[in-house]
N, C-alpha and C. Protein backbone atom coordinates (compact mmCIF):
# COMPACT_ATOMS: atom_id res chain seq x y z
N MET A 1 80.74 -55.73 75.19
CA MET A 1 80.37 -54.17 74.82
C MET A 1 81.63 -52.92 74.57
N ASN A 2 82.40 -53.10 75.98
CA ASN A 2 83.57 -52.41 75.26
C ASN A 2 84.52 -52.79 73.66
N LEU A 3 83.95 -54.00 73.56
CA LEU A 3 84.52 -54.38 72.52
C LEU A 3 83.55 -53.74 71.09
N VAL A 4 82.68 -53.53 71.23
CA VAL A 4 81.87 -52.82 69.75
C VAL A 4 81.80 -51.84 69.88
N ARG A 5 82.54 -50.84 71.68
CA ARG A 5 83.00 -49.31 71.77
C ARG A 5 84.48 -49.04 71.27
N GLY A 6 85.03 -50.61 71.76
CA GLY A 6 86.64 -50.41 70.60
C GLY A 6 86.46 -49.93 69.05
N TYR A 7 86.03 -50.74 68.87
CA TYR A 7 85.62 -51.49 67.20
C TYR A 7 84.83 -50.16 66.59
N GLY A 8 83.65 -49.38 67.62
CA GLY A 8 83.08 -48.40 66.83
C GLY A 8 84.13 -47.26 66.44
N ILE A 9 85.07 -46.66 67.64
CA ILE A 9 85.99 -45.63 67.97
C ILE A 9 87.14 -46.13 67.10
N ALA A 10 87.42 -47.07 66.32
CA ALA A 10 88.64 -47.68 65.42
C ALA A 10 87.93 -47.33 63.80
N VAL A 11 86.47 -47.39 64.26
CA VAL A 11 86.15 -47.06 62.69
C VAL A 11 85.75 -45.62 62.12
N SER A 12 85.46 -44.76 63.49
CA SER A 12 85.05 -43.62 63.28
C SER A 12 86.53 -42.69 63.25
N TRP A 13 87.87 -43.38 64.20
CA TRP A 13 89.04 -43.09 63.39
C TRP A 13 89.34 -43.18 62.37
N ALA A 14 89.41 -44.65 61.79
CA ALA A 14 89.61 -44.32 60.47
C ALA A 14 88.96 -43.82 59.41
N ILE A 15 88.01 -43.62 59.66
CA ILE A 15 87.22 -42.93 58.74
C ILE A 15 87.78 -41.60 58.25
N THR A 16 87.68 -41.17 59.52
CA THR A 16 88.22 -39.61 59.73
C THR A 16 89.63 -39.65 58.98
N PHE A 17 90.87 -40.28 59.33
CA PHE A 17 91.51 -40.03 58.77
C PHE A 17 91.69 -40.60 57.20
N MET A 18 91.03 -41.42 56.91
CA MET A 18 91.06 -41.97 55.28
C MET A 18 90.58 -40.47 54.72
N ALA A 19 89.62 -39.86 55.38
CA ALA A 19 88.91 -38.44 54.75
C ALA A 19 90.22 -37.38 54.92
N LEU A 20 91.10 -37.62 55.67
CA LEU A 20 91.96 -36.85 56.17
C LEU A 20 92.89 -37.25 54.62
N ALA A 21 93.09 -38.33 54.78
CA ALA A 21 94.21 -38.86 53.35
C ALA A 21 94.07 -38.02 51.83
N PHE A 22 92.49 -37.88 51.50
CA PHE A 22 92.02 -37.62 50.35
C PHE A 22 92.33 -36.34 50.18
N VAL A 23 92.12 -35.49 51.58
CA VAL A 23 92.94 -33.79 51.80
C VAL A 23 94.22 -33.43 51.63
N VAL A 24 94.95 -34.65 51.85
CA VAL A 24 96.65 -34.59 52.13
C VAL A 24 96.83 -34.57 50.67
N ARG A 25 96.58 -35.59 49.87
CA ARG A 25 96.59 -35.63 48.28
C ARG A 25 96.27 -34.73 47.88
N TRP A 26 95.06 -34.35 47.68
CA TRP A 26 94.62 -32.90 47.17
C TRP A 26 95.47 -31.71 47.58
N ALA A 27 95.87 -32.02 48.64
CA ALA A 27 96.89 -30.77 48.88
C ALA A 27 98.45 -30.94 48.30
N PHE A 28 98.62 -31.92 48.36
CA PHE A 28 100.13 -32.51 47.90
C PHE A 28 99.97 -31.87 46.07
N GLY A 29 98.57 -32.58 45.20
CA GLY A 29 98.51 -32.09 44.11
C GLY A 29 98.14 -30.67 43.43
N MET A 30 97.85 -29.66 44.68
CA MET A 30 98.44 -28.46 43.96
C MET A 30 99.68 -27.88 44.23
N LEU A 31 100.36 -28.60 44.85
CA LEU A 31 101.83 -27.98 45.02
C LEU A 31 102.82 -28.11 44.32
N ASN A 32 102.07 -28.73 43.19
CA ASN A 32 102.55 -29.46 41.84
C ASN A 32 101.58 -29.03 40.41
N ILE A 33 102.78 -28.80 39.45
CA ILE A 33 101.80 -28.54 38.08
C ILE A 33 101.56 -29.51 37.40
N PHE A 34 101.81 -31.14 37.91
CA PHE A 34 101.65 -31.96 37.11
C PHE A 34 100.23 -32.63 37.59
N SER A 35 99.54 -32.96 36.69
CA SER A 35 98.14 -33.99 37.52
C SER A 35 98.78 -35.60 38.34
N LEU A 36 97.95 -35.67 39.14
CA LEU A 36 98.15 -36.90 39.57
C LEU A 36 97.36 -38.24 39.12
N ARG A 37 96.62 -37.30 38.33
CA ARG A 37 95.35 -38.44 37.64
C ARG A 37 96.25 -39.24 36.08
N ALA A 38 97.17 -38.13 35.35
CA ALA A 38 97.51 -38.29 34.33
C ALA A 38 98.60 -39.20 34.77
N ALA A 39 99.27 -38.61 36.00
CA ALA A 39 100.28 -39.74 36.96
C ALA A 39 100.08 -41.00 36.55
N SER A 40 98.88 -41.35 37.28
CA SER A 40 98.13 -42.84 37.64
C SER A 40 97.90 -42.88 36.72
N GLN A 41 97.13 -42.68 35.56
CA GLN A 41 96.99 -43.21 34.29
C GLN A 41 98.18 -43.71 33.50
N LYS A 42 99.27 -42.78 33.53
CA LYS A 42 100.58 -43.75 32.56
C LYS A 42 101.07 -44.82 33.67
N LYS A 43 101.04 -44.93 34.90
CA LYS A 43 101.37 -45.46 35.96
C LYS A 43 102.78 -45.68 35.99
N ASP A 44 103.13 -44.36 36.66
CA ASP A 44 104.32 -43.41 36.82
C ASP A 44 104.45 -43.34 37.87
N LYS A 45 105.76 -44.40 38.30
CA LYS A 45 106.45 -45.03 39.15
C LYS A 45 107.17 -44.18 40.49
N ALA A 46 107.83 -43.24 39.94
CA ALA A 46 107.86 -42.08 40.45
C ALA A 46 107.32 -41.29 41.25
N VAL A 47 106.23 -40.93 40.71
CA VAL A 47 104.83 -40.65 41.86
C VAL A 47 103.94 -41.34 42.40
N GLY A 48 104.12 -42.73 42.17
CA GLY A 48 103.83 -43.85 43.38
C GLY A 48 104.16 -44.02 44.40
N HIS A 49 106.06 -43.59 44.16
CA HIS A 49 106.74 -43.83 45.52
C HIS A 49 106.54 -42.10 46.46
N VAL A 50 106.22 -41.45 45.83
CA VAL A 50 106.13 -40.39 46.33
C VAL A 50 104.57 -40.29 46.95
N LEU A 51 104.07 -40.73 46.29
CA LEU A 51 102.99 -40.67 46.92
C LEU A 51 102.85 -42.02 48.52
N ARG A 52 103.34 -42.69 48.24
CA ARG A 52 103.61 -44.07 49.22
C ARG A 52 104.20 -43.01 50.33
N GLY A 53 105.10 -42.51 50.60
CA GLY A 53 105.83 -41.60 51.13
C GLY A 53 105.03 -40.80 51.85
N LEU A 54 104.07 -39.70 51.33
CA LEU A 54 103.14 -39.32 51.67
C LEU A 54 102.38 -39.75 52.59
N TYR A 55 102.23 -41.57 52.31
CA TYR A 55 100.78 -41.79 53.19
C TYR A 55 101.39 -42.84 54.17
N ILE A 56 103.10 -43.25 53.81
CA ILE A 56 103.49 -43.03 55.52
C ILE A 56 103.94 -42.49 56.10
N ALA A 57 103.89 -41.09 55.79
CA ALA A 57 103.95 -39.52 56.49
C ALA A 57 102.97 -39.71 57.36
N LEU A 58 101.61 -39.85 57.12
CA LEU A 58 100.46 -39.62 57.23
C LEU A 58 100.18 -40.51 58.59
N ALA A 59 100.85 -41.68 58.07
CA ALA A 59 100.15 -43.02 59.05
C ALA A 59 101.69 -43.07 60.53
N ILE A 60 102.39 -42.23 59.86
CA ILE A 60 103.60 -42.42 61.23
C ILE A 60 102.69 -41.16 62.44
N ILE A 61 102.35 -40.29 61.39
CA ILE A 61 101.88 -38.82 62.23
C ILE A 61 100.32 -39.19 62.85
N SER A 62 99.44 -39.52 62.32
CA SER A 62 98.28 -40.12 62.64
C SER A 62 97.90 -41.25 63.63
N LEU A 63 99.39 -41.98 64.03
CA LEU A 63 99.96 -43.23 64.76
C LEU A 63 100.18 -41.96 66.38
N ALA A 64 100.82 -41.44 66.14
CA ALA A 64 101.17 -40.74 67.26
C ALA A 64 100.62 -39.96 67.39
N ALA A 65 99.76 -39.00 66.68
CA ALA A 65 98.59 -38.59 67.54
C ALA A 65 97.89 -38.66 68.43
N VAL A 66 97.23 -40.14 67.41
CA VAL A 66 96.38 -40.75 67.97
C VAL A 66 96.90 -41.29 69.28
N GLN A 67 98.06 -41.53 69.31
CA GLN A 67 98.65 -42.13 70.69
C GLN A 67 98.74 -41.15 71.81
N SER A 68 99.22 -40.23 71.46
CA SER A 68 99.13 -39.17 72.77
C SER A 68 97.71 -38.52 73.04
N THR A 69 96.59 -38.76 72.40
CA THR A 69 95.51 -38.16 73.38
C THR A 69 94.33 -39.09 72.87
N ARG A 70 93.49 -38.87 73.81
CA ARG A 70 91.89 -39.89 73.63
C ARG A 70 91.14 -39.29 72.62
N SER A 71 91.40 -37.75 72.46
CA SER A 71 90.40 -37.05 71.51
C SER A 71 90.59 -37.26 70.34
N LEU A 72 89.60 -37.86 69.48
CA LEU A 72 89.85 -37.40 67.83
C LEU A 72 90.13 -35.82 67.62
N THR A 73 89.49 -35.03 67.87
CA THR A 73 89.00 -34.18 67.64
C THR A 73 91.00 -33.64 67.75
N TRP A 74 91.23 -33.64 68.80
CA TRP A 74 92.84 -33.11 69.01
C TRP A 74 94.44 -34.16 68.65
N ALA A 75 93.82 -35.25 68.21
CA ALA A 75 94.24 -36.25 67.66
C ALA A 75 94.47 -35.35 65.78
N LEU A 76 93.14 -34.65 65.66
CA LEU A 76 92.92 -34.31 63.95
C LEU A 76 93.86 -32.90 63.79
N VAL A 77 93.75 -32.39 64.94
CA VAL A 77 94.12 -31.08 65.19
C VAL A 77 95.75 -30.92 64.92
N ASP A 78 96.00 -32.18 65.52
CA ASP A 78 98.05 -32.49 65.87
C ASP A 78 98.08 -32.92 64.13
N THR A 79 97.81 -33.74 63.84
CA THR A 79 97.62 -34.53 62.70
C THR A 79 97.91 -33.62 60.92
N VAL A 80 96.46 -32.11 61.08
CA VAL A 80 96.21 -31.53 60.29
C VAL A 80 97.94 -30.31 60.09
N ILE A 81 97.98 -30.15 61.15
CA ILE A 81 98.66 -29.20 61.73
C ILE A 81 100.76 -30.18 60.77
N SER A 82 101.07 -31.23 61.58
CA SER A 82 101.84 -31.90 61.22
C SER A 82 101.92 -31.87 59.77
N MET A 83 100.72 -32.53 59.14
CA MET A 83 100.68 -32.69 57.45
C MET A 83 101.11 -31.22 56.91
N ALA A 84 100.10 -30.07 57.29
CA ALA A 84 100.84 -29.17 56.57
C ALA A 84 102.29 -28.61 56.66
N LEU A 85 102.83 -28.78 58.01
CA LEU A 85 103.99 -28.14 57.92
C LEU A 85 105.02 -29.38 57.11
N VAL A 86 104.68 -30.78 56.72
CA VAL A 86 105.12 -31.59 56.17
C VAL A 86 105.24 -31.26 54.34
N LEU A 87 104.11 -30.44 54.64
CA LEU A 87 104.05 -30.08 52.68
C LEU A 87 104.49 -29.10 52.76
N ILE A 88 104.59 -28.02 53.93
CA ILE A 88 105.19 -26.95 53.46
C ILE A 88 106.94 -27.40 53.07
N PHE A 89 107.38 -27.68 54.28
CA PHE A 89 108.85 -28.73 53.91
C PHE A 89 108.94 -28.84 52.85
N PHE A 90 108.31 -29.75 52.13
CA PHE A 90 108.39 -30.15 50.84
C PHE A 90 108.48 -29.27 50.08
N LYS A 91 107.73 -28.35 50.20
CA LYS A 91 107.86 -27.40 48.84
C LYS A 91 108.88 -26.80 49.26
N VAL A 92 109.65 -25.82 50.39
CA VAL A 92 110.89 -25.74 50.24
C VAL A 92 111.94 -26.53 50.01
N TYR A 93 112.47 -27.79 50.63
CA TYR A 93 113.26 -28.62 49.68
C TYR A 93 112.82 -28.47 47.86
N ASP A 94 111.85 -28.60 47.68
CA ASP A 94 112.01 -28.12 46.52
C ASP A 94 112.15 -27.05 45.47
N TRP A 95 111.79 -26.15 46.47
CA TRP A 95 112.46 -24.96 45.98
C TRP A 95 114.49 -24.26 45.87
N LEU A 96 114.39 -24.78 47.08
CA LEU A 96 115.85 -25.02 47.56
C LEU A 96 117.16 -26.25 46.47
N ASP A 97 116.05 -27.45 45.65
CA ASP A 97 116.81 -28.19 44.88
C ASP A 97 116.93 -27.59 43.72
N PRO A 98 118.21 -27.56 42.84
CA PRO A 98 117.95 -27.21 41.61
C PRO A 98 117.32 -27.90 40.73
N ARG A 99 117.18 -29.43 40.63
CA ARG A 99 115.88 -30.10 39.65
C ARG A 99 114.44 -29.55 40.14
N ASP A 100 113.74 -29.75 38.65
CA ASP A 100 112.54 -29.27 38.75
C ASP A 100 111.30 -30.32 38.80
N PHE A 101 111.14 -30.81 40.28
CA PHE A 101 110.77 -32.16 40.28
C PHE A 101 109.34 -32.16 39.78
N SER A 102 108.58 -31.05 39.42
CA SER A 102 107.50 -31.29 38.36
C SER A 102 107.48 -32.36 37.21
N VAL A 103 109.09 -31.56 37.11
CA VAL A 103 108.92 -32.19 35.09
C VAL A 103 109.75 -33.35 35.78
N GLU A 104 110.51 -33.62 36.42
CA GLU A 104 111.40 -35.13 36.90
C GLU A 104 110.66 -36.30 37.11
N LEU A 105 109.88 -35.25 37.94
CA LEU A 105 108.78 -36.78 37.92
C LEU A 105 107.32 -37.15 37.24
N GLU A 106 107.43 -36.36 36.19
CA GLU A 106 106.33 -36.40 35.44
C GLU A 106 107.38 -37.32 34.35
N ALA A 107 108.53 -37.27 33.87
CA ALA A 107 109.56 -38.20 33.13
C ALA A 107 109.32 -38.87 33.83
N ASP A 108 108.99 -39.27 34.62
CA ASP A 108 109.27 -40.64 35.59
C ASP A 108 110.47 -41.68 36.03
N ASN A 109 111.18 -40.09 36.85
CA ASN A 109 112.21 -39.94 37.70
C ASN A 109 112.20 -40.87 38.91
N SER A 110 112.58 -42.06 38.43
CA SER A 110 112.45 -43.06 40.05
C SER A 110 113.20 -42.85 41.16
N MET A 111 114.52 -42.61 40.85
CA MET A 111 115.26 -42.34 42.12
C MET A 111 114.74 -40.83 42.28
N LEU A 112 114.40 -39.84 41.44
CA LEU A 112 113.57 -38.58 42.89
C LEU A 112 112.34 -39.63 43.40
N GLY A 113 111.56 -39.95 42.86
CA GLY A 113 110.52 -40.90 43.64
C GLY A 113 111.00 -41.17 44.41
N MET A 114 112.34 -42.14 45.13
CA MET A 114 112.24 -42.77 46.22
C MET A 114 112.93 -41.67 47.71
N GLU A 115 113.83 -40.92 46.60
CA GLU A 115 114.29 -39.51 47.07
C GLU A 115 113.36 -38.92 48.26
N LEU A 116 112.20 -38.53 47.48
CA LEU A 116 110.97 -37.58 48.10
C LEU A 116 110.43 -38.39 49.33
N GLU A 117 110.27 -39.77 48.63
CA GLU A 117 109.41 -40.36 49.76
C GLU A 117 109.84 -40.73 51.14
N GLY A 118 111.24 -40.65 50.73
CA GLY A 118 111.79 -41.02 51.69
C GLY A 118 112.27 -39.62 52.82
N LEU A 119 111.92 -38.44 51.98
CA LEU A 119 112.15 -36.92 53.01
C LEU A 119 110.88 -36.96 53.29
N PHE A 120 109.92 -37.04 52.74
CA PHE A 120 108.68 -37.82 53.78
C PHE A 120 108.68 -37.97 54.74
N ILE A 121 108.87 -39.51 54.84
CA ILE A 121 109.01 -40.32 56.52
C ILE A 121 110.04 -39.58 57.05
N VAL A 122 111.46 -39.21 56.51
CA VAL A 122 112.38 -38.03 57.40
C VAL A 122 111.42 -36.76 58.18
N LEU A 123 110.40 -36.58 57.30
CA LEU A 123 109.78 -34.70 58.06
C LEU A 123 109.15 -35.75 59.36
N ALA A 124 108.16 -36.45 58.97
CA ALA A 124 107.01 -37.41 59.49
C ALA A 124 107.82 -37.45 61.13
N ALA A 125 108.85 -38.02 60.64
CA ALA A 125 109.70 -38.81 61.90
C ALA A 125 109.98 -37.52 63.08
N VAL A 126 110.73 -36.61 61.86
CA VAL A 126 110.70 -35.81 62.70
C VAL A 126 109.53 -34.27 63.22
N MET A 127 108.51 -34.69 62.78
CA MET A 127 107.27 -33.85 63.35
C MET A 127 106.72 -34.89 64.84
N VAL A 128 107.02 -36.05 65.21
CA VAL A 128 106.83 -36.78 65.98
C VAL A 128 107.33 -36.75 66.78
N GLY A 129 108.62 -36.63 66.34
CA GLY A 129 109.77 -36.00 67.47
C GLY A 129 109.12 -34.86 68.67
N ALA A 130 108.59 -33.80 67.45
CA ALA A 130 108.31 -32.28 68.48
C ALA A 130 107.13 -32.88 68.88
N MET A 131 106.55 -33.24 68.20
CA MET A 131 105.23 -33.82 69.39
C MET A 131 105.78 -34.47 70.68
N ASN A 132 105.66 -35.66 70.42
CA ASN A 132 107.07 -35.58 72.06
C ASN A 132 107.90 -34.83 72.82
N PHE A 133 108.95 -34.49 72.23
CA PHE A 133 109.45 -33.22 72.93
C PHE A 133 108.30 -32.34 73.45
N LEU A 134 107.25 -31.65 72.67
CA LEU A 134 106.68 -30.59 73.71
C LEU A 134 105.65 -30.92 74.43
N GLY A 135 105.32 -32.04 74.17
CA GLY A 135 104.10 -32.90 75.04
C GLY A 135 104.47 -33.63 76.25
N GLY A 136 105.70 -33.84 76.15
CA GLY A 136 106.44 -34.80 77.65
C GLY A 136 106.67 -33.82 78.38
């Protein structure tokens, strides 16, 4: 029975965090002046790198949040707050950098895409470090 309960919990957490992935992708799309759908249709690798970094960041943060609590609600709260901060810091980085990220990514600048992919991963690591520091 524990096995069934364990898989039930895993499925409910997976569904919850998949929904969150759609919300995070939507929020990222709102921060940019280009269409993620159009980038996908033209197979824009640069935007693909950025989205991969965003999803890896979500995975890193979600794992840390899930491991820090047995409560889906608190794990979700930690993840939402951390991902909001990641997106805010991304936007600040965008404002500080002299390049126009939207134009560059729309032009399929893979170098920038990989840079931003890395930025999302670093920001996620910082958020997890902060969660561990404050939780411990």
